[in-house]
Amino acid sequence: MKARVYVMLKAGVLDPQGEAVRHALGSLGFDGVEGVRQGKVIELDLAEDTTEETVTQMCEKLLANTVIESYRVEME
């Protein structure tokens, strides 16, 4: 079984990496980019009996900093 965890900074939290990407895109001639938010995707290979609740606990304890980040779990 696989799980994907999508982690993004919460709205209102400054994203210096996203801003650097936006600036670089502008320098390369892509003028229509008004904002960039950068996140991460974590892919987990899990035992078949692993529940979404268990993955959520992983996120809460390690995979996401829930003070400044939000996350979404997709199970396959």
C-alpha atoms as a PDB file:
ATOM      1  CA  MET A   1       0.000   0.000   0.000  1.00  0.00           C
ATOM      2  CA  LYS A   2       1.186   3.518  -0.729  1.00  0.00           C
ATOM      3  CA  ALA A   3       0.351   6.825   0.888  1.00  0.00           C
ATOM      4  CA  ARG A   4       1.214  10.286  -0.353  1.00  0.00           C
ATOM      5  CA  VAL A   5       1.409  13.196   2.043  1.00  0.00           C
ATOM      6  CA  TYR A   6       1.255  16.691   0.563  1.00  0.00           C
ATOM      7  CA  VAL A   7       2.693  19.343   2.888  1.00  0.00           C
ATOM      8  CA  MET A   8       2.353  23.090   2.266  1.00  0.00           C
ATOM      9  CA  LEU A   9       2.946  26.202   4.308  1.00  0.00           C
ATOM     10  CA  LYS A  10      -0.265  27.592   5.753  1.00  0.00           C
ATOM     11  CA  ALA A  11      -1.765  30.732   4.242  1.00  0.00           C
ATOM     12  CA  GLY A  12      -0.145  33.824   5.701  1.00  0.00           C
ATOM     13  CA  VAL A  13       3.199  32.114   6.422  1.00  0.00           C
ATOM     14  CA  LEU A  14       6.032  33.670   4.417  1.00  0.00           C
ATOM     15  CA  ASP A  15       7.503  31.364   1.783  1.00  0.00           C
ATOM     16  CA  PRO A  16      11.023  32.594   0.923  1.00  0.00           C
ATOM     17  CA  GLN A  17      11.721  29.614  -1.363  1.00  0.00           C
ATOM     18  CA  GLY A  18       8.517  30.249  -3.286  1.00  0.00           C
ATOM     19  CA  GLU A  19       9.408  33.924  -3.609  1.00  0.00           C
ATOM     20  CA  ALA A  20      12.880  33.015  -4.915  1.00  0.00           C
ATOM     21  CA  VAL A  21      11.297  30.747  -7.542  1.00  0.00           C
ATOM     22  CA  ARG A  22       8.846  33.491  -8.554  1.00  0.00           C
ATOM     23  CA  HIS A  23      11.698  35.971  -8.924  1.00  0.00           C
ATOM     24  CA  ALA A  24      13.801  33.495 -10.944  1.00  0.00           C
ATOM     25  CA  LEU A  25      10.885  32.763 -13.279  1.00  0.00           C
ATOM     26  CA  GLY A  26      10.493  36.503 -13.868  1.00  0.00           C
ATOM     27  CA  SER A  27      14.203  36.758 -14.656  1.00  0.00           C
ATOM     28  CA  LEU A  28      13.769  34.007 -17.239  1.00  0.00           C
ATOM     29  CA  GLY A  29      11.018  35.952 -18.989  1.00  0.00           C
ATOM     30  CA  PHE A  30       7.945  34.356 -17.390  1.00  0.00           C
ATOM     31  CA  ASP A  31       6.276  37.616 -16.424  1.00  0.00           C
ATOM     32  CA  GLY A  32       2.777  36.294 -15.665  1.00  0.00           C
ATOM     33  CA  VAL A  33       3.724  34.503 -12.418  1.00  0.00           C
ATOM     34  CA  GLU A  34       2.273  36.507  -9.535  1.00  0.00           C
ATOM     35  CA  GLY A  35       2.973  34.084  -6.703  1.00  0.00           C
ATOM     36  CA  VAL A  36       4.589  30.734  -5.924  1.00  0.00           C
ATOM     37  CA  ARG A  37       4.092  28.491  -2.894  1.00  0.00           C
ATOM     38  CA  GLN A  38       6.537  25.640  -2.519  1.00  0.00           C
ATOM     39  CA  GLY A  39       5.722  22.433  -0.674  1.00  0.00           C
ATOM     40  CA  LYS A  40       6.778  18.836  -0.477  1.00  0.00           C
ATOM     41  CA  VAL A  41       5.380  15.416  -1.297  1.00  0.00           C
ATOM     42  CA  ILE A  42       6.263  12.452   0.898  1.00  0.00           C
ATOM     43  CA  GLU A  43       5.575   8.998  -0.534  1.00  0.00           C
ATOM     44  CA  LEU A  44       5.320   6.117   1.931  1.00  0.00           C
ATOM     45  CA  ASP A  45       5.356   2.383   1.178  1.00  0.00           C
ATOM     46  CA  LEU A  46       3.260   0.820   3.928  1.00  0.00           C
ATOM     47  CA  ALA A  47       2.039  -2.551   5.125  1.00  0.00           C
ATOM     48  CA  GLU A  48      -1.394  -3.401   3.687  1.00  0.00           C
ATOM     49  CA  ASP A  49      -3.135  -3.053   7.052  1.00  0.00           C
ATOM     50  CA  THR A  50      -1.886   0.507   7.689  1.00  0.00           C
ATOM     51  CA  THR A  51      -4.770   2.913   8.219  1.00  0.00           C
ATOM     52  CA  GLU A  52      -5.126   6.539   7.205  1.00  0.00           C
ATOM     53  CA  GLU A  53      -5.374   7.333  10.916  1.00  0.00           C
ATOM     54  CA  THR A  54      -1.864   5.920  11.385  1.00  0.00           C
ATOM     55  CA  VAL A  55      -0.513   8.081   8.544  1.00  0.00           C
ATOM     56  CA  THR A  56      -2.237  11.101  10.080  1.00  0.00           C
ATOM     57  CA  GLN A  57      -0.446  10.371  13.352  1.00  0.00           C
ATOM     58  CA  MET A  58       2.849  10.223  11.426  1.00  0.00           C
ATOM     59  CA  CYS A  59       2.101  13.666   9.989  1.00  0.00           C
ATOM     60  CA  GLU A  60       1.182  15.143  13.353  1.00  0.00           C
ATOM     61  CA  LYS A  61       4.311  13.772  15.054  1.00  0.00           C
ATOM     62  CA  LEU A  62       7.001  14.085  12.369  1.00  0.00           C
ATOM     63  CA  LEU A  63       6.161  14.706   8.724  1.00  0.00           C
ATOM     64  CA  ALA A  64       4.565  18.163   9.049  1.00  0.00           C
ATOM     65  CA  ASN A  65       5.192  21.092  11.347  1.00  0.00           C
ATOM     66  CA  THR A  66       1.519  21.697  12.101  1.00  0.00           C
ATOM     67  CA  VAL A  67       2.213  25.146  13.553  1.00  0.00           C
ATOM     68  CA  ILE A  68       3.112  26.526  10.117  1.00  0.00           C
ATOM     69  CA  GLU A  69       2.221  23.718   7.671  1.00  0.00           C
ATOM     70  CA  SER A  70      -0.934  21.976   6.544  1.00  0.00           C
ATOM     71  CA  TYR A  71      -1.016  18.508   5.044  1.00  0.00           C
ATOM     72  CA  ARG A  72      -3.241  16.211   3.014  1.00  0.00           C
ATOM     73  CA  VAL A  73      -3.068  12.425   2.917  1.00  0.00           C
ATOM     74  CA  GLU A  74      -3.925  10.246  -0.107  1.00  0.00           C
ATOM     75  CA  MET A  75      -4.003   6.474   0.319  1.00  0.00           C
ATOM     76  CA  GLU A  76      -3.680   4.068  -2.647  1.00  0.00           C
END
